[in-house]
Amino acid sequence: MYHKQVKTLRKRSEDGGVGQQRAREMAERDARTAAQSGDAYEELLAEGARYASKEDWHRAARAYREATSR
């Protein structure tokens, strides 16, 4: 029963990569904004967003932790 529920939830959340593409576009926009501002905090957030859009959660978390520690 549990596996059927998980399978159903996965089917509902699949969007054919649209969400990942949207996240990639937002990460690129954030990177451009950070580069223009020259703010290290914004650059680390953009880096985290870039890794998150690639689903590289470990590197994204590391970048976000470094950003928040500043």
C-alpha atoms as a PDB file:
ATOM      1  CA  MET A   1       0.000   0.000   0.000  1.00  0.00           C
ATOM      2  CA  TYR A   2       2.762   2.448   0.967  1.00  0.00           C
ATOM      3  CA  HIS A   3       4.636   1.995  -2.317  1.00  0.00           C
ATOM      4  CA  LYS A   4       1.487   2.667  -4.321  1.00  0.00           C
ATOM      5  CA  GLN A   5       1.052   5.964  -2.449  1.00  0.00           C
ATOM      6  CA  VAL A   6       4.677   6.934  -3.084  1.00  0.00           C
ATOM      7  CA  LYS A   7       4.326   6.075  -6.760  1.00  0.00           C
ATOM      8  CA  THR A   8       1.160   8.174  -7.002  1.00  0.00           C
ATOM      9  CA  LEU A   9       2.827  11.142  -5.313  1.00  0.00           C
ATOM     10  CA  ARG A  10       5.822  10.913  -7.640  1.00  0.00           C
ATOM     11  CA  LYS A  11       3.574  10.886 -10.691  1.00  0.00           C
ATOM     12  CA  ARG A  12       1.815  14.024  -9.468  1.00  0.00           C
ATOM     13  CA  SER A  13       5.081  15.846  -8.869  1.00  0.00           C
ATOM     14  CA  GLU A  14       6.670  14.977 -12.215  1.00  0.00           C
ATOM     15  CA  ASP A  15       6.537  17.930 -14.559  1.00  0.00           C
ATOM     16  CA  GLY A  16       8.845  16.794 -17.329  1.00  0.00           C
ATOM     17  CA  GLY A  17      11.749  18.916 -16.138  1.00  0.00           C
ATOM     18  CA  VAL A  18       9.859  22.212 -16.220  1.00  0.00           C
ATOM     19  CA  GLY A  19      10.562  22.913 -12.557  1.00  0.00           C
ATOM     20  CA  GLN A  20      14.251  22.187 -12.952  1.00  0.00           C
ATOM     21  CA  GLN A  21      14.457  24.434 -16.027  1.00  0.00           C
ATOM     22  CA  ARG A  22      12.702  27.225 -14.128  1.00  0.00           C
ATOM     23  CA  ALA A  23      15.132  26.810 -11.224  1.00  0.00           C
ATOM     24  CA  ARG A  24      18.074  26.944 -13.657  1.00  0.00           C
ATOM     25  CA  GLU A  25      16.787  30.183 -15.194  1.00  0.00           C
ATOM     26  CA  MET A  26      16.314  31.756 -11.770  1.00  0.00           C
ATOM     27  CA  ALA A  27      19.818  30.687 -10.743  1.00  0.00           C
ATOM     28  CA  GLU A  28      21.274  32.297 -13.864  1.00  0.00           C
ATOM     29  CA  ARG A  29      19.350  35.511 -13.169  1.00  0.00           C
ATOM     30  CA  ASP A  30      20.561  35.534  -9.570  1.00  0.00           C
ATOM     31  CA  ALA A  31      24.152  34.973 -10.733  1.00  0.00           C
ATOM     32  CA  ARG A  32      23.949  37.969 -13.090  1.00  0.00           C
ATOM     33  CA  THR A  33      22.518  40.163 -10.326  1.00  0.00           C
ATOM     34  CA  ALA A  34      25.211  39.035  -7.883  1.00  0.00           C
ATOM     35  CA  ALA A  35      27.971  39.693 -10.402  1.00  0.00           C
ATOM     36  CA  GLN A  36      26.680  43.204 -10.987  1.00  0.00           C
ATOM     37  CA  SER A  37      26.443  43.975  -7.282  1.00  0.00           C
ATOM     38  CA  GLY A  38      29.787  42.402  -6.351  1.00  0.00           C
ATOM     39  CA  ASP A  39      28.304  41.355  -3.002  1.00  0.00           C
ATOM     40  CA  ALA A  40      29.908  38.132  -1.713  1.00  0.00           C
ATOM     41  CA  TYR A  41      26.714  37.121   0.130  1.00  0.00           C
ATOM     42  CA  GLU A  42      24.617  37.364  -3.042  1.00  0.00           C
ATOM     43  CA  GLU A  43      27.275  35.495  -5.011  1.00  0.00           C
ATOM     44  CA  LEU A  44      27.195  32.611  -2.522  1.00  0.00           C
ATOM     45  CA  LEU A  45      23.397  32.515  -2.651  1.00  0.00           C
ATOM     46  CA  ALA A  46      23.535  32.429  -6.446  1.00  0.00           C
ATOM     47  CA  GLU A  47      26.103  29.645  -6.288  1.00  0.00           C
ATOM     48  CA  GLY A  48      23.821  27.679  -3.972  1.00  0.00           C
ATOM     49  CA  ALA A  49      20.880  28.208  -6.312  1.00  0.00           C
ATOM     50  CA  ARG A  50      22.987  27.053  -9.258  1.00  0.00           C
ATOM     51  CA  TYR A  51      23.915  23.818  -7.457  1.00  0.00           C
ATOM     52  CA  ALA A  52      20.329  23.308  -6.289  1.00  0.00           C
ATOM     53  CA  SER A  53      19.055  23.671  -9.859  1.00  0.00           C
ATOM     54  CA  LYS A  54      21.404  20.816 -10.800  1.00  0.00           C
ATOM     55  CA  GLU A  55      20.115  18.855  -7.778  1.00  0.00           C
ATOM     56  CA  ASP A  56      23.589  18.834  -6.228  1.00  0.00           C
ATOM     57  CA  TRP A  57      22.223  19.198  -2.722  1.00  0.00           C
ATOM     58  CA  HIS A  58      25.512  18.804  -0.831  1.00  0.00           C
ATOM     59  CA  ARG A  59      27.259  21.638  -2.654  1.00  0.00           C
ATOM     60  CA  ALA A  60      24.135  23.793  -2.511  1.00  0.00           C
ATOM     61  CA  ALA A  61      23.902  23.328   1.246  1.00  0.00           C
ATOM     62  CA  ARG A  62      27.590  24.133   1.646  1.00  0.00           C
ATOM     63  CA  ALA A  63      27.211  27.372  -0.338  1.00  0.00           C
ATOM     64  CA  TYR A  64      24.123  28.387   1.650  1.00  0.00           C
ATOM     65  CA  ARG A  65      25.845  27.628   4.972  1.00  0.00           C
ATOM     66  CA  GLU A  66      28.841  29.705   3.951  1.00  0.00           C
ATOM     67  CA  ALA A  67      26.540  32.566   2.900  1.00  0.00           C
ATOM     68  CA  THR A  68      24.671  32.563   6.193  1.00  0.00           C
ATOM     69  CA  SER A  69      27.877  32.405   8.237  1.00  0.00           C
ATOM     70  CA  ARG A  70      29.032  35.766   6.846  1.00  0.00           C
END
